[in-house]
């Protein structure tokens, strides 16, 4: 992994309690209007939750593992605008060929809380890098993140995310086979992944496999032009889910009851090329 180009220049971070953007920081949940503070100025939206810009506390450490904790309490709610108290623990574990990252979020509030999880790793990329990623289709959001269009593996529009889940939908495909990052800025959403993603660099004797668990069914791929990096982000819910009208049925956004926990994990595994 490589450091991000913008502060705080993290090589990877956990997205919690939501992934991607919340349009203008506004959404409604169970009839309750909520206004989040923008956290990526001058962009007016709320981005990637709050864990990536906060300090975490060391909970446990061994030579090959580390656990960090983050508490979003009532005082922090006043700063972020997220009205629910929650806690998160993230763990990092190394073995001989892999890094495993996991996160567990707990709703500490007295009412149900929407939640999503994901990871945002940065990898070096060149015109000769080979990236493999299989998915059922793609999703595009309007600039206000309030509406979505879905496309199947052949590029044809479909009516919604549920249609792409259908076993009769077109076969999975690799949208990165033609190395589109060499021609345009990528900020693309690939839905209902099949298996893992992999990256192979020229002149390296090994490749990297990105292996999310089943609770992270979608990818976001971000590769700004001429920046030399690509983010391949496993996420639990569709981007913009807090604003989309079908979020309960199709988006993958979860609802945690008071006191309920939920976990997700991803492995980054090196393999011989």
Protein backbone atom coordinates (compact mmCIF):
# COMPACT_ATOMS: atom_id res chain seq x y z
CA UNK A 1 0.00 0.00 0.00
CA UNK A 2 1.04 3.63 -0.45
CA UNK A 3 0.07 6.78 1.48
CA UNK A 4 -2.89 8.77 0.20
CA UNK A 5 -2.05 12.11 -1.40
CA UNK A 6 -4.35 14.20 0.80
CA UNK A 7 -4.18 14.71 4.59
CA UNK A 8 -4.01 12.66 6.74
CA UNK A 9 -2.24 10.59 4.01
CA UNK A 10 -3.48 7.23 5.24
CA UNK A 11 -2.46 4.18 3.22
CA UNK A 12 -5.72 2.49 4.25
CA UNK A 13 -8.57 3.27 6.61
CA UNK A 14 -11.85 1.86 7.86
CA UNK A 15 -15.01 3.54 6.63
CA UNK A 16 -17.55 3.64 9.49
CA UNK A 17 -20.47 4.15 10.17
CA UNK A 18 -21.06 4.63 6.42
CA UNK A 19 -19.13 4.40 3.15
CA UNK A 20 -18.90 6.94 0.34
CA UNK A 21 -20.79 10.23 0.44
CA UNK A 22 -23.94 11.50 2.10
CA UNK A 23 -25.29 14.21 -0.20
CA UNK A 24 -24.80 17.61 1.46
CA UNK A 25 -24.65 15.68 4.76
CA UNK A 26 -28.44 15.38 4.82
CA UNK A 27 -30.63 12.31 5.11
CA UNK A 28 -33.79 11.16 6.84
CA UNK A 29 -33.99 8.02 8.95
CA UNK A 30 -37.28 6.64 10.27
CA UNK A 31 -38.86 10.06 9.74
CA UNK A 32 -36.05 11.87 11.56
CA UNK A 33 -34.16 14.57 9.56
CA UNK A 34 -30.40 14.48 10.15
CA UNK A 35 -27.74 17.01 9.15
CA UNK A 36 -24.11 15.91 9.23
CA UNK A 37 -21.14 18.25 9.28
CA UNK A 38 -19.16 18.33 6.00
CA UNK A 39 -15.76 16.72 6.60
CA UNK A 40 -13.94 17.10 3.27
CA UNK A 41 -14.05 20.80 2.45
CA UNK A 42 -14.61 22.42 0.03
CA UNK A 43 -16.83 19.44 -0.86
CA UNK A 44 -20.26 20.02 0.76
CA UNK A 45 -20.90 16.33 1.48
CA UNK A 46 -20.09 14.07 4.44
CA UNK A 47 -17.51 11.50 3.34
CA UNK A 48 -16.59 7.96 4.49
CA UNK A 49 -17.92 8.27 8.05
CA UNK A 50 -15.83 9.59 10.92
CA UNK A 51 -13.24 6.96 11.84
CA UNK A 52 -10.70 8.04 9.21
CA UNK A 53 -10.28 11.54 10.69
CA UNK A 54 -10.31 10.68 14.42
CA UNK A 55 -7.75 9.40 16.89
CA UNK A 56 -8.04 5.73 17.89
CA UNK A 57 -6.90 4.25 21.20
CA UNK A 58 -4.59 1.27 21.42
CA UNK A 59 -6.48 -1.60 23.08
CA UNK A 60 -4.15 -4.56 22.55
CA UNK A 61 -0.86 -5.29 20.80
CA UNK A 62 1.31 -8.33 20.05
CA UNK A 63 4.25 -8.70 17.63
CA UNK A 64 1.79 -9.70 14.86
CA UNK A 65 -1.48 -8.05 15.81
CA UNK A 66 -2.98 -4.80 17.00
CA UNK A 67 -6.46 -3.74 18.12
CA UNK A 68 -7.58 -0.11 18.13
CA UNK A 69 -10.76 1.40 19.58
CA UNK A 70 -12.80 4.46 18.68
CA UNK A 71 -15.78 5.82 20.64
CA UNK A 72 -18.33 8.14 19.06
CA UNK A 73 -19.94 9.56 22.18
CA UNK A 74 -22.47 12.32 22.82
CA UNK A 75 -19.80 15.03 22.71
CA UNK A 76 -18.57 13.81 19.35
CA UNK A 77 -22.15 13.67 18.06
CA UNK A 78 -22.31 17.42 18.52
CA UNK A 79 -19.28 17.80 16.23
CA UNK A 80 -20.29 15.29 13.53
CA UNK A 81 -24.07 15.65 13.57
CA UNK A 82 -24.46 11.83 13.71
CA UNK A 83 -27.02 11.51 16.53
CA UNK A 84 -26.16 7.95 17.61
CA UNK A 85 -23.46 6.94 20.07
CA UNK A 86 -21.46 3.92 18.94
CA UNK A 87 -18.11 2.22 19.43
CA UNK A 88 -15.80 0.50 16.95
CA UNK A 89 -12.88 -1.86 17.36
CA UNK A 90 -10.59 -2.56 14.43
CA UNK A 91 -7.95 -5.26 14.42
CA UNK A 92 -4.91 -5.92 12.26
CA UNK A 93 -3.36 -9.39 12.13
CA UNK A 94 -0.28 -10.44 10.16
CA UNK A 95 0.66 -13.97 9.18
CA UNK A 96 3.41 -15.04 6.80
CA UNK A 97 1.50 -14.11 3.64
CA UNK A 98 -1.47 -11.96 4.62
CA UNK A 99 -2.78 -8.95 6.51
CA UNK A 100 -6.29 -9.40 7.92
CA UNK A 101 -8.25 -6.30 8.92
CA UNK A 102 -11.55 -6.53 10.77
CA UNK A 103 -13.93 -4.12 12.44
CA UNK A 104 -16.79 -4.51 14.90
CA UNK A 105 -19.29 -1.72 15.45
CA UNK A 106 -21.71 -1.57 18.41
CA UNK A 107 -24.76 0.68 18.68
CA UNK A 108 -24.60 2.39 22.10
CA UNK A 109 -27.64 4.59 21.48
CA UNK A 110 -31.19 4.04 22.70
CA UNK A 111 -32.66 3.84 19.17
CA UNK A 112 -31.85 1.80 16.02
CA UNK A 113 -28.87 3.08 14.01
CA UNK A 114 -28.08 2.64 10.29
CA UNK A 115 -24.55 1.40 9.68
CA UNK A 116 -22.14 0.44 6.94
CA UNK A 117 -18.52 -0.73 6.89
CA UNK A 118 -15.76 -0.79 4.32
CA UNK A 119 -12.03 -0.35 3.71
CA UNK A 120 -10.23 2.26 1.63
CA UNK A 121 -6.72 0.98 0.73
CA UNK A 122 -4.37 2.77 -1.70
CA UNK A 123 -2.16 0.71 -4.04
CA UNK A 124 0.55 1.82 -6.47
CA UNK A 125 -0.59 1.61 -10.09
CA UNK A 126 1.07 1.96 -13.50
CA UNK A 127 -0.05 1.47 -17.09
CA UNK A 128 1.33 -2.08 -16.94
CA UNK A 129 -0.38 -3.16 -13.72
CA UNK A 130 -2.89 -5.99 -14.14
CA UNK A 131 -6.06 -5.71 -12.05
CA UNK A 132 -8.68 -8.47 -11.91
CA UNK A 133 -12.11 -7.78 -10.42
CA UNK A 134 -15.33 -9.64 -11.17
CA UNK A 135 -18.81 -8.12 -10.74
CA UNK A 136 -22.39 -8.48 -11.97
CA UNK A 137 -22.76 -4.86 -13.04
CA UNK A 138 -22.12 -1.22 -12.29
CA UNK A 139 -23.90 1.66 -10.59
CA UNK A 140 -23.73 5.38 -11.35
CA UNK A 141 -24.96 8.15 -9.06
CA UNK A 142 -26.19 11.57 -10.05
CA UNK A 143 -24.05 14.50 -8.82
CA UNK A 144 -26.33 15.02 -5.81
CA UNK A 145 -26.17 11.31 -4.83
CA UNK A 146 -29.97 11.20 -4.70
CA UNK A 147 -30.66 8.87 -7.61
CA UNK A 148 -28.90 5.87 -9.13
CA UNK A 149 -28.73 4.04 -12.44
CA UNK A 150 -27.69 0.39 -12.68
CA UNK A 151 -26.06 -1.43 -15.59
CA UNK A 152 -25.61 -5.15 -16.07
CA UNK A 153 -22.37 -6.85 -17.11
CA UNK A 154 -23.06 -6.14 -20.79
CA UNK A 155 -23.53 -2.41 -20.10
CA UNK A 156 -27.30 -2.42 -20.53
CA UNK A 157 -29.44 -0.40 -18.06
CA UNK A 158 -31.52 -2.42 -15.58
CA UNK A 159 -34.24 -1.33 -13.20
CA UNK A 160 -32.36 -1.67 -9.92
CA UNK A 161 -29.87 -3.41 -7.68
CA UNK A 162 -32.19 -6.35 -7.08
CA UNK A 163 -32.17 -7.24 -10.78
CA UNK A 164 -28.38 -7.54 -10.69
CA UNK A 165 -28.68 -9.98 -7.78
CA UNK A 166 -30.88 -12.29 -9.83
CA UNK A 167 -29.13 -15.60 -10.67
CA UNK A 168 -30.44 -15.19 -14.25
CA UNK A 169 -28.57 -11.89 -14.71
CA UNK A 170 -25.67 -11.76 -17.22
CA UNK A 171 -22.38 -13.38 -16.31
CA UNK A 172 -19.78 -11.63 -14.19
CA UNK A 173 -17.10 -9.65 -15.98
CA UNK A 174 -13.88 -7.77 -15.27
CA UNK A 175 -14.47 -4.04 -15.94
CA UNK A 176 -10.77 -3.26 -15.38
CA UNK A 177 -9.37 -5.66 -17.98
CA UNK A 178 -8.73 -2.84 -20.48
CA UNK A 179 -6.87 -0.72 -17.87
CA UNK A 180 -9.33 2.22 -18.00
CA UNK A 181 -7.25 4.19 -15.46
CA UNK A 182 -4.78 4.89 -18.28
CA UNK A 183 -7.49 6.80 -20.19
CA UNK A 184 -9.71 8.50 -17.61
CA UNK A 185 -10.30 9.35 -13.97
CA UNK A 186 -11.93 6.41 -12.20
CA UNK A 187 -14.48 6.77 -9.42
CA UNK A 188 -16.60 3.77 -10.32
CA UNK A 189 -19.00 1.52 -8.42
CA UNK A 190 -19.09 -2.21 -9.20
CA UNK A 191 -21.90 -4.16 -7.58
CA UNK A 192 -22.41 -7.77 -6.53
CA UNK A 193 -18.85 -8.94 -6.78
CA UNK A 194 -17.88 -12.51 -7.51
CA UNK A 195 -14.94 -13.73 -5.48
CA UNK A 196 -11.91 -11.56 -4.90
CA UNK A 197 -9.88 -8.85 -6.61
CA UNK A 198 -6.21 -9.17 -7.51
CA UNK A 199 -3.35 -6.87 -8.49
CA UNK A 200 -0.18 -7.98 -10.30
CA UNK A 201 2.67 -5.53 -10.81
CA UNK A 202 5.25 -5.88 -13.59
CA UNK A 203 8.59 -7.35 -12.50
CA UNK A 204 7.20 -8.51 -9.15
CA UNK A 205 7.36 -12.24 -8.32
CA UNK A 206 4.11 -12.02 -6.36
CA UNK A 207 0.61 -10.59 -6.70
CA UNK A 208 -1.91 -9.35 -4.15
CA UNK A 209 -5.38 -10.81 -3.60
CA UNK A 210 -8.06 -8.71 -1.85
CA UNK A 211 -10.50 -11.07 -0.14
CA UNK A 212 -13.51 -9.46 1.62
CA UNK A 213 -15.96 -11.51 3.64
CA UNK A 214 -19.53 -12.04 2.48
CA UNK A 215 -20.86 -8.93 4.24
CA UNK A 216 -18.91 -6.71 1.79
CA UNK A 217 -20.53 -7.45 -1.61
CA UNK A 218 -19.56 -4.33 -3.59
CA UNK A 219 -16.44 -2.50 -4.82
CA UNK A 220 -15.60 1.14 -5.34
CA UNK A 221 -12.56 1.75 -7.55
CA UNK A 222 -10.94 5.18 -7.35
CA UNK A 223 -7.93 6.11 -9.49
CA UNK A 224 -7.40 9.82 -10.18
CA UNK A 225 -5.56 10.61 -13.40
CA UNK A 226 -1.76 10.65 -13.19
CA UNK A 227 -1.67 10.25 -9.37
CA UNK A 228 -0.01 6.82 -9.46
CA UNK A 229 -2.40 5.02 -7.12
CA UNK A 230 -5.66 3.06 -7.18
CA UNK A 231 -8.11 2.46 -4.33
CA UNK A 232 -10.00 -0.85 -4.49
CA UNK A 233 -12.57 -0.52 -1.73
CA UNK A 234 -14.71 -3.43 -0.45
CA UNK A 235 -17.94 -1.97 0.96
CA UNK A 236 -21.05 -3.34 2.67
CA UNK A 237 -23.64 -1.06 1.08
CA UNK A 238 -24.24 0.87 -2.11
CA UNK A 239 -22.74 4.37 -2.15
CA UNK A 240 -25.26 7.09 -1.36
CA UNK A 241 -27.48 4.54 0.41
CA UNK A 242 -28.58 6.94 3.15
CA UNK A 243 -30.12 9.16 0.46
CA UNK A 244 -31.54 6.51 -1.87
CA UNK A 245 -35.26 5.67 -1.56
CA UNK A 246 -34.69 1.91 -1.79
CA UNK A 247 -32.01 1.79 0.90
CA UNK A 248 -33.86 -0.58 3.22
CA UNK A 249 -34.63 -3.21 0.58
CA UNK A 250 -31.64 -3.26 -1.76
CA UNK A 251 -28.73 -1.12 -0.64
CA UNK A 252 -27.09 -3.36 1.96
CA UNK A 253 -27.28 -0.69 4.65
CA UNK A 254 -27.80 -2.41 8.01
CA UNK A 255 -29.82 -1.40 11.03
CA UNK A 256 -28.39 -2.14 14.47
CA UNK A 257 -30.71 -2.33 17.44
CA UNK A 258 -29.51 -0.73 20.71
CA UNK A 259 -26.63 -2.83 22.04
CA UNK A 260 -26.28 -4.86 18.82
CA UNK A 261 -22.86 -5.63 17.28
CA UNK A 262 -21.88 -6.24 13.66
CA UNK A 263 -18.50 -7.20 12.18
CA UNK A 264 -16.82 -7.34 8.78
CA UNK A 265 -13.33 -8.29 7.60
CA UNK A 266 -10.99 -8.28 4.59
CA UNK A 267 -7.75 -10.18 3.93
CA UNK A 268 -4.90 -8.88 1.78
CA UNK A 269 -2.99 -11.97 0.66
CA UNK A 270 0.26 -12.20 -1.29
CA UNK A 271 0.53 -15.05 -3.80
CA UNK A 272 3.29 -16.17 -6.18
CA UNK A 273 2.81 -14.65 -9.66
